């Protein structure tokens, strides 16, 4: 059985042998998956490759500044054939959504990812669960391929690294993270401008939705678990989209005395989507896996079927068991 490890040389061989390459991001796309894909497209096209960008989901307005953001397409059938399908920042095949169908029309499949729960679902896999972001691995991949950085590539890589490290505040941030950031700064990275876009300026809809989330805030497990919920009616009242809820769970985790936080939101088709967070040394990836999700030790996600309150009780009960054991 293949073990999880970085393998940029294997991915480089796949890329060198391919002329047409489909690059796929995960559903509910974030800065790391889109930044990784956009950076790869810019780099590979500079070497003469024909690159197609795919993502099963709307590109968040906040990330529309990314070079090539308007090139992402949802597979509708009839795409390909491709010499190579490369998924980036996709933790398992389910997270590919409609992009999973591209495997059948690709001669070779490969992936670059940093989720420790990744089951290595492609033919070639370069996966490091300890990397701060997939964009860190993309930087390494470009170096192995001998492709130089540009300002546009640096913008893409910074977006993924900064968002997945919580603006360099999460425990995954390490020396390698800052070594890569040094290289990006040397390309003329507009740090202040991008920091404002990604972390400071909020849309009106997001601020209104934050009010709804904070209005639902409750504490469980002797105050060690922060719980917030959002109904479909909340989104409707705020004119908000799912993307506007992506970082709201952090407000619960930032409360003094909490060890874990959860934000549950109603979605279409009777689904409930969970964002789970934890402070080191606590972890939530095992809880996510227990309910069919996955992610990182301190940041994971779940999608469940059922009534909001019942789903929340199941997840919170599992979190309460963990904090009670400490």
C-alpha atoms as a PDB file:
ATOM      1  CA  UNK A   1       0.000   0.000   0.000  1.00  0.00           C
ATOM      2  CA  UNK A   2       1.320   3.406  -0.967  1.00  0.00           C
ATOM      3  CA  UNK A   3       2.234   5.623   1.970  1.00  0.00           C
ATOM      4  CA  UNK A   4       1.614   9.340   2.234  1.00  0.00           C
ATOM      5  CA  UNK A   5       4.665  11.335   1.164  1.00  0.00           C
ATOM      6  CA  UNK A   6       5.756  14.190  -1.021  1.00  0.00           C
ATOM      7  CA  UNK A   7       6.619  12.940  -4.484  1.00  0.00           C
ATOM      8  CA  UNK A   8       7.177  15.977  -6.726  1.00  0.00           C
ATOM      9  CA  UNK A   9       9.467  13.993  -9.041  1.00  0.00           C
ATOM     10  CA  UNK A  10       6.626  11.595  -9.931  1.00  0.00           C
ATOM     11  CA  UNK A  11       4.252  14.491 -10.563  1.00  0.00           C
ATOM     12  CA  UNK A  12       6.914  16.201 -12.680  1.00  0.00           C
ATOM     13  CA  UNK A  13       7.206  13.089 -14.868  1.00  0.00           C
ATOM     14  CA  UNK A  14       3.444  13.092 -15.393  1.00  0.00           C
ATOM     15  CA  UNK A  15       3.486  16.768 -16.348  1.00  0.00           C
ATOM     16  CA  UNK A  16       6.454  16.452 -18.711  1.00  0.00           C
ATOM     17  CA  UNK A  17       4.753  13.569 -20.539  1.00  0.00           C
ATOM     18  CA  UNK A  18       1.485  15.482 -20.972  1.00  0.00           C
ATOM     19  CA  UNK A  19       0.418  18.063 -23.523  1.00  0.00           C
ATOM     20  CA  UNK A  20      -3.180  18.603 -22.391  1.00  0.00           C
ATOM     21  CA  UNK A  21      -3.699  18.931 -18.637  1.00  0.00           C
ATOM     22  CA  UNK A  22      -6.934  19.315 -16.667  1.00  0.00           C
ATOM     23  CA  UNK A  23      -6.408  20.886 -13.237  1.00  0.00           C
ATOM     24  CA  UNK A  24      -9.235  20.274 -10.755  1.00  0.00           C
ATOM     25  CA  UNK A  25     -10.070  22.053  -7.492  1.00  0.00           C
ATOM     26  CA  UNK A  26     -12.373  20.867  -4.721  1.00  0.00           C
ATOM     27  CA  UNK A  27     -16.041  21.695  -4.188  1.00  0.00           C
ATOM     28  CA  UNK A  28     -16.840  24.778  -2.106  1.00  0.00           C
ATOM     29  CA  UNK A  29     -13.502  26.197  -3.302  1.00  0.00           C
ATOM     30  CA  UNK A  30     -11.216  28.179  -1.001  1.00  0.00           C
ATOM     31  CA  UNK A  31      -8.028  30.153  -1.425  1.00  0.00           C
ATOM     32  CA  UNK A  32      -5.682  27.174  -1.288  1.00  0.00           C
ATOM     33  CA  UNK A  33      -7.360  25.034  -3.922  1.00  0.00           C
ATOM     34  CA  UNK A  34      -7.944  27.966  -6.299  1.00  0.00           C
ATOM     35  CA  UNK A  35      -4.527  29.501  -5.683  1.00  0.00           C
ATOM     36  CA  UNK A  36      -2.877  26.128  -6.312  1.00  0.00           C
ATOM     37  CA  UNK A  37      -4.795  25.561  -9.546  1.00  0.00           C
ATOM     38  CA  UNK A  38      -4.282  29.080 -10.870  1.00  0.00           C
ATOM     39  CA  UNK A  39      -0.558  28.971 -10.079  1.00  0.00           C
ATOM     40  CA  UNK A  40      -0.172  25.634 -11.856  1.00  0.00           C
ATOM     41  CA  UNK A  41      -2.019  26.924 -14.919  1.00  0.00           C
ATOM     42  CA  UNK A  42       0.201  30.003 -15.181  1.00  0.00           C
ATOM     43  CA  UNK A  43       3.364  27.964 -14.709  1.00  0.00           C
ATOM     44  CA  UNK A  44       2.496  25.099 -17.052  1.00  0.00           C
ATOM     45  CA  UNK A  45       1.246  27.331 -19.826  1.00  0.00           C
ATOM     46  CA  UNK A  46       4.575  29.162 -19.700  1.00  0.00           C
ATOM     47  CA  UNK A  47       6.170  25.849 -20.749  1.00  0.00           C
ATOM     48  CA  UNK A  48       3.773  25.316 -23.648  1.00  0.00           C
ATOM     49  CA  UNK A  49       1.217  23.029 -21.992  1.00  0.00           C
ATOM     50  CA  UNK A  50      -2.484  23.346 -22.771  1.00  0.00           C
ATOM     51  CA  UNK A  51      -4.224  23.716 -19.394  1.00  0.00           C
ATOM     52  CA  UNK A  52      -7.923  23.586 -18.512  1.00  0.00           C
ATOM     53  CA  UNK A  53      -9.206  24.692 -15.087  1.00  0.00           C
ATOM     54  CA  UNK A  54     -12.181  22.939 -13.487  1.00  0.00           C
ATOM     55  CA  UNK A  55     -14.095  23.401 -10.242  1.00  0.00           C
ATOM     56  CA  UNK A  56     -17.512  22.135  -9.193  1.00  0.00           C
ATOM     57  CA  UNK A  57     -18.692  25.263  -7.425  1.00  0.00           C
ATOM     58  CA  UNK A  58     -18.930  29.025  -7.595  1.00  0.00           C
ATOM     59  CA  UNK A  59     -15.674  30.957  -7.297  1.00  0.00           C
ATOM     60  CA  UNK A  60     -16.085  33.177  -4.195  1.00  0.00           C
ATOM     61  CA  UNK A  61     -16.317  36.867  -5.035  1.00  0.00           C
ATOM     62  CA  UNK A  62     -13.509  37.542  -2.555  1.00  0.00           C
ATOM     63  CA  UNK A  63     -11.168  35.415  -4.684  1.00  0.00           C
ATOM     64  CA  UNK A  64     -12.186  36.805  -8.080  1.00  0.00           C
ATOM     65  CA  UNK A  65      -8.929  38.806  -8.202  1.00  0.00           C
ATOM     66  CA  UNK A  66      -6.893  35.631  -8.762  1.00  0.00           C
ATOM     67  CA  UNK A  67      -5.275  35.458 -12.207  1.00  0.00           C
ATOM     68  CA  UNK A  68      -7.391  33.071 -14.246  1.00  0.00           C
ATOM     69  CA  UNK A  69     -10.338  33.033 -11.816  1.00  0.00           C
ATOM     70  CA  UNK A  70     -12.723  33.464 -14.751  1.00  0.00           C
ATOM     71  CA  UNK A  71     -11.352  30.350 -16.465  1.00  0.00           C
ATOM     72  CA  UNK A  72     -12.714  27.771 -14.020  1.00  0.00           C
ATOM     73  CA  UNK A  73     -15.512  25.659 -15.446  1.00  0.00           C
ATOM     74  CA  UNK A  74     -17.875  23.070 -13.975  1.00  0.00           C
ATOM     75  CA  UNK A  75     -17.572  19.817 -15.964  1.00  0.00           C
ATOM     76  CA  UNK A  76     -20.770  19.272 -17.900  1.00  0.00           C
ATOM     77  CA  UNK A  77     -19.773  16.216 -19.915  1.00  0.00           C
ATOM     78  CA  UNK A  78     -17.969  16.090 -23.215  1.00  0.00           C
ATOM     79  CA  UNK A  79     -14.676  17.438 -21.866  1.00  0.00           C
ATOM     80  CA  UNK A  80     -11.369  15.940 -22.878  1.00  0.00           C
ATOM     81  CA  UNK A  81      -9.663  13.727 -23.579  1.00  0.00           C
ATOM     82  CA  UNK A  82      -6.724  14.877 -21.440  1.00  0.00           C
ATOM     83  CA  UNK A  83      -3.242  13.484 -21.115  1.00  0.00           C
ATOM     84  CA  UNK A  84      -3.270  14.283 -17.389  1.00  0.00           C
ATOM     85  CA  UNK A  85      -5.806  15.099 -14.694  1.00  0.00           C
ATOM     86  CA  UNK A  86      -4.154  16.885 -11.773  1.00  0.00           C
ATOM     87  CA  UNK A  87      -6.197  17.589  -8.649  1.00  0.00           C
ATOM     88  CA  UNK A  88      -4.882  20.149  -6.169  1.00  0.00           C
ATOM     89  CA  UNK A  89      -5.850  20.473  -2.493  1.00  0.00           C
ATOM     90  CA  UNK A  90      -8.547  17.793  -2.886  1.00  0.00           C
ATOM     91  CA  UNK A  91      -8.686  15.584   0.210  1.00  0.00           C
ATOM     92  CA  UNK A  92     -10.656  12.703  -1.362  1.00  0.00           C
ATOM     93  CA  UNK A  93     -12.513  11.845  -4.550  1.00  0.00           C
ATOM     94  CA  UNK A  94     -15.882  12.939  -3.134  1.00  0.00           C
ATOM     95  CA  UNK A  95     -14.483  16.463  -2.763  1.00  0.00           C
ATOM     96  CA  UNK A  96     -13.942  16.596  -6.527  1.00  0.00           C
ATOM     97  CA  UNK A  97     -17.686  16.687  -7.130  1.00  0.00           C
ATOM     98  CA  UNK A  98     -18.420  16.724 -10.861  1.00  0.00           C
ATOM     99  CA  UNK A  99     -14.671  16.895 -11.557  1.00  0.00           C
ATOM    100  CA  UNK A 100     -14.396  13.213 -10.638  1.00  0.00           C
ATOM    101  CA  UNK A 101     -15.869  12.398 -14.059  1.00  0.00           C
ATOM    102  CA  UNK A 102     -12.699  13.787 -15.647  1.00  0.00           C
ATOM    103  CA  UNK A 103     -10.786  10.704 -14.465  1.00  0.00           C
ATOM    104  CA  UNK A 104     -12.513   8.610 -17.112  1.00  0.00           C
ATOM    105  CA  UNK A 105     -11.305  10.865 -19.941  1.00  0.00           C
ATOM    106  CA  UNK A 106      -7.719  11.278 -18.699  1.00  0.00           C
ATOM    107  CA  UNK A 107      -4.833   8.994 -19.628  1.00  0.00           C
ATOM    108  CA  UNK A 108      -3.081   9.678 -16.323  1.00  0.00           C
ATOM    109  CA  UNK A 109      -4.250  10.988 -12.955  1.00  0.00           C
ATOM    110  CA  UNK A 110      -2.222  12.673 -10.237  1.00  0.00           C
ATOM    111  CA  UNK A 111      -2.681  14.893  -7.209  1.00  0.00           C
ATOM    112  CA  UNK A 112      -0.889  17.373  -4.949  1.00  0.00           C
ATOM    113  CA  UNK A 113      -2.446  17.790  -1.512  1.00  0.00           C
ATOM    114  CA  UNK A 114      -1.753  18.462   2.167  1.00  0.00           C
ATOM    115  CA  UNK A 115      -4.714  16.866   3.949  1.00  0.00           C
ATOM    116  CA  UNK A 116      -3.639  14.154   6.430  1.00  0.00           C
ATOM    117  CA  UNK A 117      -6.880  12.246   5.774  1.00  0.00           C
ATOM    118  CA  UNK A 118      -6.164  11.874   2.040  1.00  0.00           C
ATOM    119  CA  UNK A 119      -6.635   8.207   0.926  1.00  0.00           C
ATOM    120  CA  UNK A 120      -4.250   8.595  -2.080  1.00  0.00           C
ATOM    121  CA  UNK A 121      -6.963   8.206  -4.690  1.00  0.00           C
ATOM    122  CA  UNK A 122      -4.985   9.059  -7.840  1.00  0.00           C
ATOM    123  CA  UNK A 123      -2.442   7.026  -9.817  1.00  0.00           C
ATOM    124  CA  UNK A 124       0.379   9.305  -8.668  1.00  0.00           C
ATOM    125  CA  UNK A 125       0.128  11.082  -5.324  1.00  0.00           C
ATOM    126  CA  UNK A 126       2.261  13.801  -3.767  1.00  0.00           C
ATOM    127  CA  UNK A 127       0.660  14.330  -0.363  1.00  0.00           C
ATOM    128  CA  UNK A 128       2.127  15.756   2.825  1.00  0.00           C
ATOM    129  CA  UNK A 129      -0.277  16.121   5.732  1.00  0.00           C
ATOM    130  CA  UNK A 130       2.247  18.252   7.609  1.00  0.00           C
ATOM    131  CA  UNK A 131       2.554  20.951   4.939  1.00  0.00           C
ATOM    132  CA  UNK A 132       0.957  24.262   5.910  1.00  0.00           C
ATOM    133  CA  UNK A 133      -0.888  24.564   2.589  1.00  0.00           C
ATOM    134  CA  UNK A 134      -1.052  22.865  -0.773  1.00  0.00           C
ATOM    135  CA  UNK A 135       0.398  26.059  -2.244  1.00  0.00           C
ATOM    136  CA  UNK A 136       3.603  25.300  -0.312  1.00  0.00           C
ATOM    137  CA  UNK A 137       3.781  21.997  -2.191  1.00  0.00           C
ATOM    138  CA  UNK A 138       3.003  23.765  -5.470  1.00  0.00           C
ATOM    139  CA  UNK A 139       6.032  26.016  -4.906  1.00  0.00           C
ATOM    140  CA  UNK A 140       8.171  22.909  -4.432  1.00  0.00           C
ATOM    141  CA  UNK A 141       6.646  21.356  -7.549  1.00  0.00           C
ATOM    142  CA  UNK A 142       7.508  24.370  -9.681  1.00  0.00           C
ATOM    143  CA  UNK A 143      11.079  24.268  -8.399  1.00  0.00           C
ATOM    144  CA  UNK A 144      11.409  20.588  -9.382  1.00  0.00           C
ATOM    145  CA  UNK A 145      10.021  21.442 -12.827  1.00  0.00           C
ATOM    146  CA  UNK A 146      12.478  24.321 -13.141  1.00  0.00           C
ATOM    147  CA  UNK A 147       9.697  26.870 -13.670  1.00  0.00           C
ATOM    148  CA  UNK A 148      10.553  30.318 -12.252  1.00  0.00           C
ATOM    149  CA  UNK A 149       8.199  32.337 -10.073  1.00  0.00           C
ATOM    150  CA  UNK A 150       6.452  35.434 -11.404  1.00  0.00           C
ATOM    151  CA  UNK A 151       4.462  38.115  -9.645  1.00  0.00           C
ATOM    152  CA  UNK A 152       1.196  36.542 -10.821  1.00  0.00           C
ATOM    153  CA  UNK A 153       2.201  33.088  -9.577  1.00  0.00           C
ATOM    154  CA  UNK A 154       3.308  34.640  -6.286  1.00  0.00           C
ATOM    155  CA  UNK A 155      -0.141  36.214  -5.857  1.00  0.00           C
ATOM    156  CA  UNK A 156      -1.771  32.802  -6.317  1.00  0.00           C
ATOM    157  CA  UNK A 157       0.565  31.034  -3.907  1.00  0.00           C
ATOM    158  CA  UNK A 158       0.273  33.728  -1.231  1.00  0.00           C
ATOM    159  CA  UNK A 159      -3.510  33.468  -1.404  1.00  0.00           C
ATOM    160  CA  UNK A 160      -3.431  29.757  -0.630  1.00  0.00           C
ATOM    161  CA  UNK A 161      -0.750  29.940   2.034  1.00  0.00           C
ATOM    162  CA  UNK A 162      -2.191  32.905   3.914  1.00  0.00           C
ATOM    163  CA  UNK A 163      -5.776  31.652   3.939  1.00  0.00           C
ATOM    164  CA  UNK A 164      -4.917  28.094   4.993  1.00  0.00           C
ATOM    165  CA  UNK A 165      -2.684  29.301   7.827  1.00  0.00           C
ATOM    166  CA  UNK A 166      -5.226  31.828   9.131  1.00  0.00           C
ATOM    167  CA  UNK A 167      -2.964  34.668   8.030  1.00  0.00           C
ATOM    168  CA  UNK A 168       0.042  32.814   9.521  1.00  0.00           C
ATOM    169  CA  UNK A 169      -1.653  32.261  12.893  1.00  0.00           C
ATOM    170  CA  UNK A 170      -2.427  28.512  12.830  1.00  0.00           C
ATOM    171  CA  UNK A 171      -0.134  25.869  14.314  1.00  0.00           C
ATOM    172  CA  UNK A 172       0.606  24.477  10.844  1.00  0.00           C
ATOM    173  CA  UNK A 173       2.668  27.609  10.090  1.00  0.00           C
ATOM    174  CA  UNK A 174       6.321  26.589  10.070  1.00  0.00           C
ATOM    175  CA  UNK A 175       9.755  27.661   8.867  1.00  0.00           C
ATOM    176  CA  UNK A 176       9.074  26.346   5.359  1.00  0.00           C
ATOM    177  CA  UNK A 177       6.030  28.602   5.176  1.00  0.00           C
ATOM    178  CA  UNK A 178       8.148  31.681   5.736  1.00  0.00           C
ATOM    179  CA  UNK A 179      10.911  30.499   3.422  1.00  0.00           C
ATOM    180  CA  UNK A 180       8.365  30.306   0.625  1.00  0.00           C
ATOM    181  CA  UNK A 181       6.916  33.681   1.633  1.00  0.00           C
ATOM    182  CA  UNK A 182      10.380  35.209   1.318  1.00  0.00           C
ATOM    183  CA  UNK A 183      10.570  33.974  -2.275  1.00  0.00           C
ATOM    184  CA  UNK A 184       7.110  35.360  -3.020  1.00  0.00           C
ATOM    185  CA  UNK A 185       7.994  38.773  -1.607  1.00  0.00           C
ATOM    186  CA  UNK A 186      11.002  38.892  -3.935  1.00  0.00           C
ATOM    187  CA  UNK A 187       8.561  38.794  -6.870  1.00  0.00           C
ATOM    188  CA  UNK A 188       6.968  42.092  -5.859  1.00  0.00           C
ATOM    189  CA  UNK A 189       4.027  40.562  -4.020  1.00  0.00           C
ATOM    190  CA  UNK A 190       1.493  43.335  -3.202  1.00  0.00           C
ATOM    191  CA  UNK A 191       1.159  42.128   0.394  1.00  0.00           C
ATOM    192  CA  UNK A 192      -0.814  45.023   1.903  1.00  0.00           C
ATOM    193  CA  UNK A 193      -3.331  45.099  -0.935  1.00  0.00           C
ATOM    194  CA  UNK A 194      -3.930  41.355  -0.834  1.00  0.00           C
ATOM    195  CA  UNK A 195      -4.101  41.281   2.979  1.00  0.00           C
ATOM    196  CA  UNK A 196      -6.889  43.861   2.868  1.00  0.00           C
ATOM    197  CA  UNK A 197      -8.832  41.851   0.290  1.00  0.00           C
ATOM    198  CA  UNK A 198      -8.465  38.527   2.073  1.00  0.00           C
ATOM    199  CA  UNK A 199      -8.644  39.441   5.770  1.00  0.00           C
ATOM    200  CA  UNK A 200      -9.895  42.951   6.418  1.00  0.00           C
ATOM    201  CA  UNK A 201     -12.553  44.127   3.971  1.00  0.00           C
ATOM    202  CA  UNK A 202     -15.865  42.302   4.477  1.00  0.00           C
ATOM    203  CA  UNK A 203     -18.979  42.378   2.346  1.00  0.00           C
ATOM    204  CA  UNK A 204     -22.183  43.722   3.830  1.00  0.00           C
ATOM    205  CA  UNK A 205     -23.750  40.268   3.488  1.00  0.00           C
ATOM    206  CA  UNK A 206     -20.931  38.678   5.465  1.00  0.00           C
ATOM    207  CA  UNK A 207     -21.229  41.191   8.297  1.00  0.00           C
ATOM    208  CA  UNK A 208     -24.982  40.654   8.506  1.00  0.00           C
ATOM    209  CA  UNK A 209     -24.505  36.888   8.521  1.00  0.00           C
ATOM    210  CA  UNK A 210     -21.911  37.229  11.282  1.00  0.00           C
ATOM    211  CA  UNK A 211     -24.585  38.945  13.370  1.00  0.00           C
ATOM    212  CA  UNK A 212     -26.887  35.969  12.873  1.00  0.00           C
ATOM    213  CA  UNK A 213     -24.122  33.514  13.774  1.00  0.00           C
ATOM    214  CA  UNK A 214     -23.122  35.390  16.916  1.00  0.00           C
ATOM    215  CA  UNK A 215     -26.795  35.644  17.889  1.00  0.00           C
ATOM    216  CA  UNK A 216     -26.933  31.846  17.931  1.00  0.00           C
ATOM    217  CA  UNK A 217     -23.700  31.438  19.907  1.00  0.00           C
ATOM    218  CA  UNK A 218     -23.948  28.973  22.786  1.00  0.00           C
ATOM    219  CA  UNK A 219     -21.344  27.255  24.928  1.00  0.00           C
ATOM    220  CA  UNK A 220     -21.280  23.560  25.736  1.00  0.00           C
ATOM    221  CA  UNK A 221     -18.924  21.223  27.546  1.00  0.00           C
ATOM    222  CA  UNK A 222     -18.474  23.517  30.561  1.00  0.00           C
ATOM    223  CA  UNK A 223     -17.831  26.434  28.249  1.00  0.00           C
ATOM    224  CA  UNK A 224     -15.068  24.701  26.287  1.00  0.00           C
ATOM    225  CA  UNK A 225     -17.071  24.274  23.068  1.00  0.00           C
ATOM    226  CA  UNK A 226     -18.503  27.224  21.111  1.00  0.00           C
ATOM    227  CA  UNK A 227     -21.507  26.324  18.959  1.00  0.00           C
ATOM    228  CA  UNK A 228     -23.079  28.492  16.248  1.00  0.00           C
ATOM    229  CA  UNK A 229     -25.823  27.667  13.755  1.00  0.00           C
ATOM    230  CA  UNK A 230     -27.187  29.288  10.612  1.00  0.00           C
ATOM    231  CA  UNK A 231     -30.481  28.389   8.977  1.00  0.00           C
ATOM    232  CA  UNK A 232     -31.430  28.830   5.343  1.00  0.00           C
ATOM    233  CA  UNK A 233     -33.715  31.627   6.527  1.00  0.00           C
ATOM    234  CA  UNK A 234     -30.669  33.397   8.011  1.00  0.00           C
ATOM    235  CA  UNK A 235     -28.893  33.333   4.657  1.00  0.00           C
ATOM    236  CA  UNK A 236     -32.017  34.564   2.900  1.00  0.00           C
ATOM    237  CA  UNK A 237     -32.514  37.427   5.363  1.00  0.00           C
ATOM    238  CA  UNK A 238     -28.927  38.595   4.855  1.00  0.00           C
ATOM    239  CA  UNK A 239     -28.834  38.053   1.109  1.00  0.00           C
ATOM    240  CA  UNK A 240     -25.798  35.887   1.844  1.00  0.00           C
ATOM    241  CA  UNK A 241     -24.224  32.929   0.084  1.00  0.00           C
ATOM    242  CA  UNK A 242     -22.522  29.869   1.554  1.00  0.00           C
ATOM    243  CA  UNK A 243     -19.114  31.454   0.916  1.00  0.00           C
ATOM    244  CA  UNK A 244     -19.960  34.276   3.341  1.00  0.00           C
ATOM    245  CA  UNK A 245     -19.967  31.775   6.232  1.00  0.00           C
ATOM    246  CA  UNK A 246     -16.580  30.242   5.523  1.00  0.00           C
ATOM    247  CA  UNK A 247     -14.559  31.930   8.304  1.00  0.00           C
ATOM    248  CA  UNK A 248     -17.273  32.697  10.858  1.00  0.00           C
ATOM    249  CA  UNK A 249     -16.488  29.628  12.981  1.00  0.00           C
ATOM    250  CA  UNK A 250     -13.233  31.305  14.057  1.00  0.00           C
ATOM    251  CA  UNK A 251     -15.164  33.839  16.132  1.00  0.00           C
ATOM    252  CA  UNK A 252     -16.306  31.017  18.383  1.00  0.00           C
ATOM    253  CA  UNK A 253     -12.810  29.598  18.685  1.00  0.00           C
ATOM    254  CA  UNK A 254     -11.391  33.037  19.533  1.00  0.00           C
ATOM    255  CA  UNK A 255     -13.537  33.222  22.669  1.00  0.00           C
ATOM    256  CA  UNK A 256     -11.449  32.899  25.829  1.00  0.00           C
ATOM    257  CA  UNK A 257     -11.897  29.505  27.516  1.00  0.00           C
ATOM    258  CA  UNK A 258     -12.979  27.583  24.404  1.00  0.00           C
ATOM    259  CA  UNK A 259     -11.017  24.600  23.117  1.00  0.00           C
ATOM    260  CA  UNK A 260     -13.232  23.706  20.146  1.00  0.00           C
ATOM    261  CA  UNK A 261     -15.758  25.499  17.946  1.00  0.00           C
ATOM    262  CA  UNK A 262     -18.368  24.392  15.456  1.00  0.00           C
ATOM    263  CA  UNK A 263     -20.488  26.267  12.940  1.00  0.00           C
ATOM    264  CA  UNK A 264     -23.370  24.318  11.417  1.00  0.00           C
ATOM    265  CA  UNK A 265     -25.339  25.700   8.508  1.00  0.00           C
ATOM    266  CA  UNK A 266     -28.339  24.420   6.609  1.00  0.00           C
ATOM    267  CA  UNK A 267     -27.732  23.741   2.922  1.00  0.00           C
ATOM    268  CA  UNK A 268     -29.787  22.551  -0.018  1.00  0.00           C
ATOM    269  CA  UNK A 269     -31.199  19.040  -0.189  1.00  0.00           C
ATOM    270  CA  UNK A 270     -31.647  18.681   3.561  1.00  0.00           C
ATOM    271  CA  UNK A 271     -27.912  18.788   4.169  1.00  0.00           C
ATOM    272  CA  UNK A 272     -26.107  20.354   7.113  1.00  0.00           C
ATOM    273  CA  UNK A 273     -22.539  21.541   6.588  1.00  0.00           C
ATOM    274  CA  UNK A 274     -20.174  21.757   9.560  1.00  0.00           C
ATOM    275  CA  UNK A 275     -16.984  23.734  10.059  1.00  0.00           C
ATOM    276  CA  UNK A 276     -14.985  22.347  12.979  1.00  0.00           C
ATOM    277  CA  UNK A 277     -12.051  24.078  14.680  1.00  0.00           C
ATOM    278  CA  UNK A 278      -9.828  23.254  17.641  1.00  0.00           C
ATOM    279  CA  UNK A 279      -6.974  24.761  19.590  1.00  0.00           C
ATOM    280  CA  UNK A 280      -3.789  22.731  19.808  1.00  0.00           C
ATOM    281  CA  UNK A 281      -3.392  20.060  21.242  1.00  0.00           C
ATOM    282  CA  UNK A 282      -7.066  19.244  20.635  1.00  0.00           C
ATOM    283  CA  UNK A 283      -8.016  17.940  17.197  1.00  0.00           C
ATOM    284  CA  UNK A 284     -11.230  17.555  15.230  1.00  0.00           C
ATOM    285  CA  UNK A 285     -10.197  15.600  12.135  1.00  0.00           C
ATOM    286  CA  UNK A 286     -11.025  12.310  13.863  1.00  0.00           C
ATOM    287  CA  UNK A 287     -14.492  13.634  14.684  1.00  0.00           C
ATOM    288  CA  UNK A 288     -14.955  14.671  11.060  1.00  0.00           C
ATOM    289  CA  UNK A 289     -13.923  11.236   9.808  1.00  0.00           C
ATOM    290  CA  UNK A 290     -16.359   9.625  12.240  1.00  0.00           C
ATOM    291  CA  UNK A 291     -19.222  11.431  10.461  1.00  0.00           C
ATOM    292  CA  UNK A 292     -17.975  10.993   6.905  1.00  0.00           C
ATOM    293  CA  UNK A 293     -15.915  14.198   6.658  1.00  0.00           C
ATOM    294  CA  UNK A 294     -12.244  15.003   6.880  1.00  0.00           C
ATOM    295  CA  UNK A 295      -9.615  17.702   6.930  1.00  0.00           C
ATOM    296  CA  UNK A 296      -6.853  18.821   9.247  1.00  0.00           C
ATOM    297  CA  UNK A 297      -6.280  18.190  12.959  1.00  0.00           C
ATOM    298  CA  UNK A 298      -7.405  21.700  13.941  1.00  0.00           C
ATOM    299  CA  UNK A 299      -9.687  22.502  10.978  1.00  0.00           C
ATOM    300  CA  UNK A 300     -12.089  20.007   9.422  1.00  0.00           C
ATOM    301  CA  UNK A 301     -15.479  19.771   7.776  1.00  0.00           C
ATOM    302  CA  UNK A 302     -18.502  17.496   7.635  1.00  0.00           C
ATOM    303  CA  UNK A 303     -21.602  17.271   5.464  1.00  0.00           C
ATOM    304  CA  UNK A 304     -24.514  15.413   7.055  1.00  0.00           C
ATOM    305  CA  UNK A 305     -28.092  14.647   6.105  1.00  0.00           C
ATOM    306  CA  UNK A 306     -30.866  15.437   8.542  1.00  0.00           C
ATOM    307  CA  UNK A 307     -32.520  18.139  10.634  1.00  0.00           C
ATOM    308  CA  UNK A 308     -30.165  20.891  11.798  1.00  0.00           C
ATOM    309  CA  UNK A 309     -30.700  20.482  15.540  1.00  0.00           C
ATOM    310  CA  UNK A 310     -30.340  16.683  15.495  1.00  0.00           C
ATOM    311  CA  UNK A 311     -27.142  16.837  13.447  1.00  0.00           C
ATOM    312  CA  UNK A 312     -25.678  19.493  15.724  1.00  0.00           C
ATOM    313  CA  UNK A 313     -26.385  17.407  18.814  1.00  0.00           C
ATOM    314  CA  UNK A 314     -24.545  14.421  17.359  1.00  0.00           C
ATOM    315  CA  UNK A 315     -21.434  16.406  16.476  1.00  0.00           C
ATOM    316  CA  UNK A 316     -21.362  18.435  19.694  1.00  0.00           C
ATOM    317  CA  UNK A 317     -21.747  15.249  21.747  1.00  0.00           C
ATOM    318  CA  UNK A 318     -18.642  13.840  20.052  1.00  0.00           C
ATOM    319  CA  UNK A 319     -16.741  17.052  20.757  1.00  0.00           C
ATOM    320  CA  UNK A 320     -17.881  17.037  24.397  1.00  0.00           C
ATOM    321  CA  UNK A 321     -16.526  13.510  24.818  1.00  0.00           C
ATOM    322  CA  UNK A 322     -13.092  14.686  23.725  1.00  0.00           C
ATOM    323  CA  UNK A 323     -12.858  17.736  25.960  1.00  0.00           C
ATOM    324  CA  UNK A 324     -14.171  15.713  28.901  1.00  0.00           C
ATOM    325  CA  UNK A 325     -11.355  13.222  28.439  1.00  0.00           C
ATOM    326  CA  UNK A 326      -8.694  15.865  29.002  1.00  0.00           C
END
